[in-house]
Amino acid sequence: ILGVVIVESGWGSILPTVIIANMMHGGPAEKSGRLNIGDQIMSINGTSLVG
């Protein structure tokens, strides 16, 4: 568990994307300092999430 909430950018977007909508206070994602609310997730383990 990373402690993040992700959402799709929605139907109105030109290119659908996945973004971080929220993070669990004190969770691994927040503690790492590498992720922020609003960041776009481009891929997971080499699998593209763009388009």
C-alpha atoms as a PDB file:
ATOM      1  CA  ILE A   1       0.000   0.000   0.000  1.00  0.00           C
ATOM      2  CA  LEU A   2       1.473   3.308  -1.099  1.00  0.00           C
ATOM      3  CA  GLY A   3      -1.112   5.517   0.538  1.00  0.00           C
ATOM      4  CA  VAL A   4      -2.231   7.356  -2.600  1.00  0.00           C
ATOM      5  CA  VAL A   5      -5.585   7.918  -4.298  1.00  0.00           C
ATOM      6  CA  ILE A   6      -5.429   8.109  -8.089  1.00  0.00           C
ATOM      7  CA  VAL A   7      -8.111   9.291 -10.515  1.00  0.00           C
ATOM      8  CA  GLU A   8      -8.497   9.438 -14.284  1.00  0.00           C
ATOM      9  CA  SER A   9      -8.477  12.971 -15.694  1.00  0.00           C
ATOM     10  CA  GLY A  10     -11.934  12.494 -17.207  1.00  0.00           C
ATOM     11  CA  TRP A  11     -13.831  12.306 -20.461  1.00  0.00           C
ATOM     12  CA  GLY A  12     -13.272  15.965 -21.368  1.00  0.00           C
ATOM     13  CA  SER A  13      -9.507  15.607 -21.541  1.00  0.00           C
ATOM     14  CA  ILE A  14      -7.710  15.555 -24.876  1.00  0.00           C
ATOM     15  CA  LEU A  15      -5.439  12.760 -23.619  1.00  0.00           C
ATOM     16  CA  PRO A  16      -6.767  10.771 -20.638  1.00  0.00           C
ATOM     17  CA  THR A  17      -4.248  10.609 -17.816  1.00  0.00           C
ATOM     18  CA  VAL A  18      -3.997   9.270 -14.276  1.00  0.00           C
ATOM     19  CA  ILE A  19      -3.169  11.744 -11.495  1.00  0.00           C
ATOM     20  CA  ILE A  20      -2.615  11.566  -7.744  1.00  0.00           C
ATOM     21  CA  ALA A  21      -5.733  13.020  -6.103  1.00  0.00           C
ATOM     22  CA  ASN A  22      -4.842  12.486  -2.438  1.00  0.00           C
ATOM     23  CA  MET A  23      -2.200  10.935  -0.196  1.00  0.00           C
ATOM     24  CA  MET A  24      -2.469   9.235   3.166  1.00  0.00           C
ATOM     25  CA  HIS A  25      -0.789  11.347   5.855  1.00  0.00           C
ATOM     26  CA  GLY A  26       2.317   9.491   6.997  1.00  0.00           C
ATOM     27  CA  GLY A  27       1.990   6.852   4.259  1.00  0.00           C
ATOM     28  CA  PRO A  28       4.945   5.559   2.245  1.00  0.00           C
ATOM     29  CA  ALA A  29       4.243   7.855  -0.729  1.00  0.00           C
ATOM     30  CA  GLU A  30       4.173  10.966   1.448  1.00  0.00           C
ATOM     31  CA  LYS A  31       7.231   9.906   3.436  1.00  0.00           C
ATOM     32  CA  SER A  32       9.280   9.329   0.280  1.00  0.00           C
ATOM     33  CA  GLY A  33       8.825  12.954  -0.793  1.00  0.00           C
ATOM     34  CA  ARG A  34       8.909  11.833  -4.429  1.00  0.00           C
ATOM     35  CA  LEU A  35       5.169  12.065  -5.142  1.00  0.00           C
ATOM     36  CA  ASN A  36       2.827  15.025  -4.782  1.00  0.00           C
ATOM     37  CA  ILE A  37      -0.901  15.599  -5.181  1.00  0.00           C
ATOM     38  CA  GLY A  38      -1.494  16.535  -8.820  1.00  0.00           C
ATOM     39  CA  ASP A  39       1.424  14.494 -10.168  1.00  0.00           C
ATOM     40  CA  GLN A  40       0.657  12.571 -13.352  1.00  0.00           C
ATOM     41  CA  ILE A  41       1.373   8.833 -13.275  1.00  0.00           C
ATOM     42  CA  MET A  42       2.947   7.995 -16.644  1.00  0.00           C
ATOM     43  CA  SER A  43       3.579   4.260 -16.158  1.00  0.00           C
ATOM     44  CA  ILE A  44       3.637   1.499 -13.566  1.00  0.00           C
ATOM     45  CA  ASN A  45       6.324  -1.183 -13.823  1.00  0.00           C
ATOM     46  CA  GLY A  46       6.959  -0.192 -17.441  1.00  0.00           C
ATOM     47  CA  THR A  47       3.285  -0.301 -18.498  1.00  0.00           C
ATOM     48  CA  SER A  48       2.129   3.036 -19.941  1.00  0.00           C
ATOM     49  CA  LEU A  49      -0.968   4.654 -18.428  1.00  0.00           C
ATOM     50  CA  VAL A  50      -1.029   7.496 -20.969  1.00  0.00           C
ATOM     51  CA  GLY A  51      -3.639   7.394 -23.722  1.00  0.00           C
END
